[in-house]
PDB file of N, CA and C in Angstrom:
ATOM      1  N   UNK A   1     157.151  11.977 -40.914  1.00  0.00           N
ATOM      2  CA  UNK A   1     157.842  12.371 -39.453  1.00  0.00           C
ATOM      3  C   UNK A   1     158.980  11.284 -39.183  1.00  0.00           C
ATOM      4  N   UNK A   2     160.006  11.952 -38.577  1.00  0.00           N
ATOM      5  CA  UNK A   2     161.184  11.015 -38.325  1.00  0.00           C
ATOM      6  C   UNK A   2     160.699  10.188 -37.042  1.00  0.00           C
ATOM      7  N   UNK A   3     160.873   8.905 -37.224  1.00  0.00           N
ATOM      8  CA  UNK A   3     160.411   8.008 -36.082  1.00  0.00           C
ATOM      9  C   UNK A   3     161.486   7.950 -35.120  1.00  0.00           C
ATOM     10  N   UNK A   4     161.170   7.812 -33.796  1.00  0.00           N
ATOM     11  CA  UNK A   4     162.081   7.596 -32.743  1.00  0.00           C
ATOM     12  C   UNK A   4     161.915   6.188 -32.391  1.00  0.00           C
ATOM     13  N   UNK A   5     162.986   5.386 -32.268  1.00  0.00           N
ATOM     14  CA  UNK A   5     162.955   4.077 -31.609  1.00  0.00           C
ATOM     15  C   UNK A   5     162.664   4.008 -30.179  1.00  0.00           C
ATOM     16  N   UNK A   6     162.031   2.913 -29.717  1.00  0.00           N
ATOM     17  CA  UNK A   6     161.790   3.012 -28.260  1.00  0.00           C
ATOM     18  C   UNK A   6     163.022   3.385 -27.429  1.00  0.00           C
ATOM     19  N   UNK A   7     164.124   2.849 -27.916  1.00  0.00           N
ATOM     20  CA  UNK A   7     165.308   2.979 -27.181  1.00  0.00           C
ATOM     21  C   UNK A   7     165.840   4.545 -27.197  1.00  0.00           C
ATOM     22  N   UNK A   8     165.673   5.138 -28.315  1.00  0.00           N
ATOM     23  CA  UNK A   8     166.080   6.559 -28.577  1.00  0.00           C
ATOM     24  C   UNK A   8     165.139   7.447 -27.754  1.00  0.00           C
ATOM     25  N   UNK A   9     163.855   6.990 -27.718  1.00  0.00           N
ATOM     26  CA  UNK A   9     162.733   7.931 -26.935  1.00  0.00           C
ATOM     27  C   UNK A   9     163.096   7.767 -25.446  1.00  0.00           C
ATOM     28  N   UNK A  10     163.427   6.569 -25.063  1.00  0.00           N
ATOM     29  CA  UNK A  10     163.789   6.477 -23.545  1.00  0.00           C
ATOM     30  C   UNK A  10     165.065   7.223 -23.119  1.00  0.00           C
ATOM     31  N   UNK A  11     165.930   7.468 -24.185  1.00  0.00           N
ATOM     32  CA  UNK A  11     167.285   8.154 -23.950  1.00  0.00           C
ATOM     33  C   UNK A  11     167.049   9.705 -23.763  1.00  0.00           C
ATOM     34  N   UNK A  12     165.852  10.171 -24.278  1.00  0.00           N
ATOM     35  CA  UNK A  12     165.499  11.539 -24.273  1.00  0.00           C
ATOM     36  C   UNK A  12     165.352  12.105 -22.767  1.00  0.00           C
ATOM     37  N   UNK A  13     165.848  13.250 -22.521  1.00  0.00           N
ATOM     38  CA  UNK A  13     165.518  13.849 -21.182  1.00  0.00           C
ATOM     39  C   UNK A  13     164.190  14.319 -21.316  1.00  0.00           C
ATOM     40  N   UNK A  14     163.546  14.431 -20.031  1.00  0.00           N
ATOM     41  CA  UNK A  14     162.246  14.939 -20.022  1.00  0.00           C
ATOM     42  C   UNK A  14     161.943  16.222 -20.712  1.00  0.00           C
ATOM     43  N   UNK A  15     163.073  17.096 -20.565  1.00  0.00           N
ATOM     44  CA  UNK A  15     162.810  18.456 -21.135  1.00  0.00           C
ATOM     45  C   UNK A  15     162.780  18.431 -22.685  1.00  0.00           C
ATOM     46  N   UNK A  16     163.038  17.341 -23.295  1.00  0.00           N
ATOM     47  CA  UNK A  16     162.971  17.176 -24.677  1.00  0.00           C
ATOM     48  C   UNK A  16     161.494  16.901 -25.184  1.00  0.00           C
ATOM     49  N   UNK A  17     160.420  16.920 -24.313  1.00  0.00           N
ATOM     50  CA  UNK A  17     159.174  16.662 -24.732  1.00  0.00           C
ATOM     51  C   UNK A  17     158.240  17.904 -24.398  1.00  0.00           C
ATOM     52  N   UNK A  18     157.260  18.023 -25.117  1.00  0.00           N
ATOM     53  CA  UNK A  18     156.344  19.160 -24.813  1.00  0.00           C
ATOM     54  C   UNK A  18     155.680  19.048 -23.470  1.00  0.00           C
ATOM     55  N   UNK A  19     155.292  17.730 -23.129  1.00  0.00           N
ATOM     56  CA  UNK A  19     154.736  17.370 -21.892  1.00  0.00           C
ATOM     57  C   UNK A  19     155.643  16.538 -21.243  1.00  0.00           C
ATOM     58  N   UNK A  20     156.636  16.995 -20.398  1.00  0.00           N
ATOM     59  CA  UNK A  20     157.742  16.251 -19.922  1.00  0.00           C
ATOM     60  C   UNK A  20     157.203  15.250 -18.912  1.00  0.00           C
ATOM     61  N   UNK A  21     156.234  15.584 -17.993  1.00  0.00           N
ATOM     62  CA  UNK A  21     155.754  14.709 -16.921  1.00  0.00           C
ATOM     63  C   UNK A  21     155.255  13.437 -17.602  1.00  0.00           C
ATOM     64  N   UNK A  22     154.570  13.562 -18.630  1.00  0.00           N
ATOM     65  CA  UNK A  22     153.858  12.441 -19.321  1.00  0.00           C
ATOM     66  C   UNK A  22     154.752  11.830 -20.467  1.00  0.00           C
ATOM     67  N   UNK A  23     155.884  12.662 -20.713  1.00  0.00           N
ATOM     68  CA  UNK A  23     156.757  12.295 -21.745  1.00  0.00           C
ATOM     69  C   UNK A  23     155.979  12.016 -23.113  1.00  0.00           C
ATOM     70  N   UNK A  24     155.306  13.022 -23.389  1.00  0.00           N
ATOM     71  CA  UNK A  24     154.527  13.118 -24.582  1.00  0.00           C
ATOM     72  C   UNK A  24     154.916  14.161 -25.606  1.00  0.00           C
ATOM     73  N   UNK A  25     154.883  13.858 -26.746  1.00  0.00           N
ATOM     74  CA  UNK A  25     155.328  14.839 -27.920  1.00  0.00           C
ATOM     75  C   UNK A  25     156.732  15.302 -27.867  1.00  0.00           C
ATOM     76  N   UNK A  26     157.616  14.346 -28.318  1.00  0.00           N
ATOM     77  CA  UNK A  26     158.997  14.888 -28.400  1.00  0.00           C
ATOM     78  C   UNK A  26     159.242  16.041 -29.341  1.00  0.00           C
ATOM     79  N   UNK A  27     160.275  16.815 -29.081  1.00  0.00           N
ATOM     80  CA  UNK A  27     160.473  18.029 -29.879  1.00  0.00           C
ATOM     81  C   UNK A  27     161.927  18.035 -30.570  1.00  0.00           C
ATOM     82  N   UNK A  28     162.348  16.972 -30.961  1.00  0.00           N
ATOM     83  CA  UNK A  28     163.755  16.649 -31.355  1.00  0.00           C
ATOM     84  C   UNK A  28     164.032  17.392 -32.797  1.00  0.00           C
ATOM     85  N   UNK A  29     163.041  17.552 -33.589  1.00  0.00           N
ATOM     86  CA  UNK A  29     163.252  18.126 -34.935  1.00  0.00           C
ATOM     87  C   UNK A  29     162.004  18.740 -35.495  1.00  0.00           C
ATOM     88  N   UNK A  30     162.190  19.419 -36.630  1.00  0.00           N
ATOM     89  CA  UNK A  30     161.037  20.172 -37.132  1.00  0.00           C
ATOM     90  C   UNK A  30     159.738  19.316 -37.329  1.00  0.00           C
ATOM     91  N   UNK A  31     159.950  18.066 -37.804  1.00  0.00           N
ATOM     92  CA  UNK A  31     158.810  17.203 -37.967  1.00  0.00           C
ATOM     93  C   UNK A  31     158.062  16.838 -36.634  1.00  0.00           C
ATOM     94  N   UNK A  32     158.952  16.543 -35.530  1.00  0.00           N
ATOM     95  CA  UNK A  32     158.347  16.414 -34.363  1.00  0.00           C
ATOM     96  C   UNK A  32     157.608  17.621 -33.825  1.00  0.00           C
ATOM     97  N   UNK A  33     158.029  18.909 -34.102  1.00  0.00           N
ATOM     98  CA  UNK A  33     157.344  19.904 -33.540  1.00  0.00           C
ATOM     99  C   UNK A  33     156.056  20.152 -34.323  1.00  0.00           C
ATOM    100  N   UNK A  34     155.971  19.910 -35.560  1.00  0.00           N
ATOM    101  CA  UNK A  34     154.755  20.058 -36.390  1.00  0.00           C
ATOM    102  C   UNK A  34     153.728  19.028 -35.800  1.00  0.00           C
ATOM    103  N   UNK A  35     154.294  17.826 -35.560  1.00  0.00           N
ATOM    104  CA  UNK A  35     153.282  16.735 -35.013  1.00  0.00           C
ATOM    105  C   UNK A  35     152.879  17.133 -33.671  1.00  0.00           C
ATOM    106  N   UNK A  36     153.725  17.645 -32.803  1.00  0.00           N
ATOM    107  CA  UNK A  36     153.274  18.177 -31.429  1.00  0.00           C
ATOM    108  C   UNK A  36     152.201  19.183 -31.485  1.00  0.00           C
ATOM    109  N   UNK A  37     152.179  19.964 -32.463  1.00  0.00           N
ATOM    110  CA  UNK A  37     151.112  21.071 -32.696  1.00  0.00           C
ATOM    111  C   UNK A  37     149.890  20.247 -33.159  1.00  0.00           C
ATOM    112  N   UNK A  38     150.064  19.457 -34.092  1.00  0.00           N
ATOM    113  CA  UNK A  38     148.897  18.758 -34.664  1.00  0.00           C
ATOM    114  C   UNK A  38     148.155  17.867 -33.596  1.00  0.00           C
ATOM    115  N   UNK A  39     149.011  17.285 -32.699  1.00  0.00           N
ATOM    116  CA  UNK A  39     148.417  16.305 -31.732  1.00  0.00           C
ATOM    117  C   UNK A  39     148.135  17.135 -30.447  1.00  0.00           C
ATOM    118  N   UNK A  40     148.464  18.281 -30.295  1.00  0.00           N
ATOM    119  CA  UNK A  40     148.334  18.999 -29.049  1.00  0.00           C
ATOM    120  C   UNK A  40     147.145  18.786 -28.312  1.00  0.00           C
ATOM    121  N   UNK A  41     146.005  18.882 -28.877  1.00  0.00           N
ATOM    122  CA  UNK A  41     144.651  18.746 -28.160  1.00  0.00           C
ATOM    123  C   UNK A  41     144.282  17.368 -27.904  1.00  0.00           C
ATOM    124  N   UNK A  42     145.024  16.495 -28.383  1.00  0.00           N
ATOM    125  CA  UNK A  42     144.793  14.984 -28.055  1.00  0.00           C
ATOM    126  C   UNK A  42     145.391  14.362 -26.965  1.00  0.00           C
ATOM    127  N   UNK A  43     146.288  15.205 -26.209  1.00  0.00           N
ATOM    128  CA  UNK A  43     146.985  14.938 -25.030  1.00  0.00           C
ATOM    129  C   UNK A  43     145.854  14.956 -23.947  1.00  0.00           C
ATOM    130  N   UNK A  44     145.735  13.803 -23.247  1.00  0.00           N
ATOM    131  CA  UNK A  44     144.691  13.781 -22.162  1.00  0.00           C
ATOM    132  C   UNK A  44     145.366  13.887 -20.716  1.00  0.00           C
ATOM    133  N   UNK A  45     144.491  14.319 -19.845  1.00  0.00           N
ATOM    134  CA  UNK A  45     144.854  14.220 -18.336  1.00  0.00           C
ATOM    135  C   UNK A  45     146.091  15.376 -18.092  1.00  0.00           C
ATOM    136  N   UNK A  46     145.875  16.326 -18.715  1.00  0.00           N
ATOM    137  CA  UNK A  46     146.931  17.536 -18.323  1.00  0.00           C
ATOM    138  C   UNK A  46     146.165  18.762 -18.102  1.00  0.00           C
ATOM    139  N   UNK A  47     146.684  19.558 -17.176  1.00  0.00           N
ATOM    140  CA  UNK A  47     146.076  20.749 -16.795  1.00  0.00           C
ATOM    141  C   UNK A  47     146.393  21.869 -17.816  1.00  0.00           C
ATOM    142  N   UNK A  48     145.545  23.038 -17.653  1.00  0.00           N
ATOM    143  CA  UNK A  48     145.868  24.179 -18.547  1.00  0.00           C
ATOM    144  C   UNK A  48     147.174  24.667 -18.297  1.00  0.00           C
ATOM    145  N   UNK A  49     147.648  24.799 -17.166  1.00  0.00           N
ATOM    146  CA  UNK A  49     148.985  25.189 -16.728  1.00  0.00           C
ATOM    147  C   UNK A  49     150.076  24.301 -17.359  1.00  0.00           C
ATOM    148  N   UNK A  50     149.817  22.911 -17.514  1.00  0.00           N
ATOM    149  CA  UNK A  50     150.755  22.105 -18.086  1.00  0.00           C
ATOM    150  C   UNK A  50     150.714  22.342 -19.685  1.00  0.00           C
ATOM    151  N   UNK A  51     149.568  22.658 -20.213  1.00  0.00           N
ATOM    152  CA  UNK A  51     149.412  22.975 -21.554  1.00  0.00           C
ATOM    153  C   UNK A  51     150.198  24.374 -21.916  1.00  0.00           C
ATOM    154  N   UNK A  52     149.851  25.294 -20.971  1.00  0.00           N
ATOM    155  CA  UNK A  52     150.615  26.630 -21.212  1.00  0.00           C
ATOM    156  C   UNK A  52     152.165  26.460 -21.277  1.00  0.00           C
ATOM    157  N   UNK A  53     152.785  25.532 -20.373  1.00  0.00           N
ATOM    158  CA  UNK A  53     154.127  25.271 -20.344  1.00  0.00           C
ATOM    159  C   UNK A  53     154.555  24.472 -21.477  1.00  0.00           C
ATOM    160  N   UNK A  54     153.665  23.509 -22.085  1.00  0.00           N
ATOM    161  CA  UNK A  54     154.035  22.782 -23.245  1.00  0.00           C
ATOM    162  C   UNK A  54     154.035  23.567 -24.395  1.00  0.00           C
ATOM    163  N   UNK A  55     153.147  24.612 -24.513  1.00  0.00           N
ATOM    164  CA  UNK A  55     152.970  25.426 -25.675  1.00  0.00           C
ATOM    165  C   UNK A  55     154.300  26.349 -25.672  1.00  0.00           C
ATOM    166  N   UNK A  56     154.787  26.779 -24.536  1.00  0.00           N
ATOM    167  CA  UNK A  56     156.047  27.518 -24.522  1.00  0.00           C
ATOM    168  C   UNK A  56     157.220  26.656 -25.020  1.00  0.00           C
ATOM    169  N   UNK A  57     157.343  25.433 -24.597  1.00  0.00           N
ATOM    170  CA  UNK A  57     158.305  24.570 -25.199  1.00  0.00           C
ATOM    171  C   UNK A  57     158.259  24.368 -26.526  1.00  0.00           C
ATOM    172  N   UNK A  58     156.841  24.207 -27.110  1.00  0.00           N
ATOM    173  CA  UNK A  58     156.816  23.892 -28.467  1.00  0.00           C
ATOM    174  C   UNK A  58     157.211  25.196 -29.399  1.00  0.00           C
ATOM    175  N   UNK A  59     156.799  26.392 -28.872  1.00  0.00           N
ATOM    176  CA  UNK A  59     157.240  27.570 -29.532  1.00  0.00           C
ATOM    177  C   UNK A  59     158.746  27.804 -29.521  1.00  0.00           C
ATOM    178  N   UNK A  60     159.503  27.479 -28.427  1.00  0.00           N
ATOM    179  CA  UNK A  60     160.947  27.590 -28.495  1.00  0.00           C
ATOM    180  C   UNK A  60     161.516  26.561 -29.443  1.00  0.00           C
ATOM    181  N   UNK A  61     161.006  25.353 -29.464  1.00  0.00           N
ATOM    182  CA  UNK A  61     161.552  24.268 -30.345  1.00  0.00           C
ATOM    183  C   UNK A  61     161.080  24.616 -31.828  1.00  0.00           C
ATOM    184  N   UNK A  62     160.054  25.244 -32.057  1.00  0.00           N
ATOM    185  CA  UNK A  62     159.672  25.868 -33.450  1.00  0.00           C
ATOM    186  C   UNK A  62     160.761  26.691 -33.810  1.00  0.00           C
ATOM    187  N   UNK A  63     160.968  27.637 -33.084  1.00  0.00           N
ATOM    188  CA  UNK A  63     161.978  28.680 -33.439  1.00  0.00           C
ATOM    189  C   UNK A  63     163.371  28.182 -33.723  1.00  0.00           C
ATOM    190  N   UNK A  64     163.841  27.097 -32.922  1.00  0.00           N
ATOM    191  CA  UNK A  64     165.078  26.520 -33.064  1.00  0.00           C
ATOM    192  C   UNK A  64     165.172  25.642 -34.454  1.00  0.00           C
ATOM    193  N   UNK A  65     164.042  25.111 -34.718  1.00  0.00           N
ATOM    194  CA  UNK A  65     163.860  24.233 -35.907  1.00  0.00           C
ATOM    195  C   UNK A  65     163.481  24.910 -37.177  1.00  0.00           C
ATOM    196  N   UNK A  66     163.066  26.128 -37.085  1.00  0.00           N
ATOM    197  CA  UNK A  66     162.597  26.818 -38.222  1.00  0.00           C
ATOM    198  C   UNK A  66     161.216  26.457 -38.782  1.00  0.00           C
ATOM    199  N   UNK A  67     160.371  26.137 -37.670  1.00  0.00           N
ATOM    200  CA  UNK A  67     158.916  25.762 -37.941  1.00  0.00           C
ATOM    201  C   UNK A  67     158.113  26.989 -37.599  1.00  0.00           C
ATOM    202  N   UNK A  68     157.402  27.522 -38.623  1.00  0.00           N
ATOM    203  CA  UNK A  68     156.364  28.677 -38.532  1.00  0.00           C
ATOM    204  C   UNK A  68     155.162  28.173 -37.823  1.00  0.00           C
ATOM    205  N   UNK A  69     154.939  29.114 -36.818  1.00  0.00           N
ATOM    206  CA  UNK A  69     153.703  28.791 -35.995  1.00  0.00           C
ATOM    207  C   UNK A  69     152.710  29.883 -36.034  1.00  0.00           C
ATOM    208  N   UNK A  70     151.532  29.631 -36.567  1.00  0.00           N
ATOM    209  CA  UNK A  70     150.589  30.896 -36.691  1.00  0.00           C
ATOM    210  C   UNK A  70     149.827  31.104 -35.555  1.00  0.00           C
ATOM    211  N   UNK A  71     149.673  30.193 -34.691  1.00  0.00           N
ATOM    212  CA  UNK A  71     148.761  30.407 -33.429  1.00  0.00           C
ATOM    213  C   UNK A  71     149.669  31.044 -32.347  1.00  0.00           C
ATOM    214  N   UNK A  72     148.999  32.007 -31.758  1.00  0.00           N
ATOM    215  CA  UNK A  72     149.692  32.730 -30.600  1.00  0.00           C
ATOM    216  C   UNK A  72     149.542  31.939 -29.295  1.00  0.00           C
ATOM    217  N   UNK A  73     148.466  31.038 -29.244  1.00  0.00           N
ATOM    218  CA  UNK A  73     148.242  30.404 -28.017  1.00  0.00           C
ATOM    219  C   UNK A  73     147.816  28.926 -28.411  1.00  0.00           C
ATOM    220  N   UNK A  74     147.901  28.038 -27.572  1.00  0.00           N
ATOM    221  CA  UNK A  74     147.306  26.646 -27.874  1.00  0.00           C
ATOM    222  C   UNK A  74     145.838  26.709 -27.883  1.00  0.00           C
ATOM    223  N   UNK A  75     145.156  27.648 -27.383  1.00  0.00           N
ATOM    224  CA  UNK A  75     143.819  27.781 -27.345  1.00  0.00           C
ATOM    225  C   UNK A  75     143.303  28.021 -28.806  1.00  0.00           C
ATOM    226  N   UNK A  76     144.102  28.462 -29.684  1.00  0.00           N
ATOM    227  CA  UNK A  76     143.728  28.761 -30.982  1.00  0.00           C
ATOM    228  C   UNK A  76     143.957  27.499 -31.997  1.00  0.00           C
ATOM    229  N   UNK A  77     144.446  26.492 -31.469  1.00  0.00           N
ATOM    230  CA  UNK A  77     144.682  25.310 -32.464  1.00  0.00           C
ATOM    231  C   UNK A  77     143.412  24.766 -32.857  1.00  0.00           C
ATOM    232  N   UNK A  78     143.242  24.601 -34.193  1.00  0.00           N
ATOM    233  CA  UNK A  78     141.893  24.015 -34.646  1.00  0.00           C
ATOM    234  C   UNK A  78     140.973  25.065 -34.876  1.00  0.00           C
ATOM    235  N   UNK A  79     141.006  26.253 -34.550  1.00  0.00           N
ATOM    236  CA  UNK A  79     140.096  27.251 -34.781  1.00  0.00           C
ATOM    237  C   UNK A  79     140.379  28.012 -36.053  1.00  0.00           C
ATOM    238  N   UNK A  80     139.594  28.280 -36.982  1.00  0.00           N
ATOM    239  CA  UNK A  80     139.906  28.934 -38.272  1.00  0.00           C
ATOM    240  C   UNK A  80     138.790  30.113 -38.360  1.00  0.00           C
TER     241      UNK A  80
END
């Protein structure tokens, strides 16, 4: 995954994160999008509404960066 320096991360706008209020899971490139999906269920202290909004941002970023997402909903993550 492409690492963001602390300074680069601070420079990102809130809308650049899957969870903007918490500034969790940046969505700057394909690697970050894949990581956001993998770590989605690890984000603590967020509501289902915040997860719904984050999933929409992740799906949009995935499309932008050419990442294929098999799950239709964040509730499908980790279920096989």
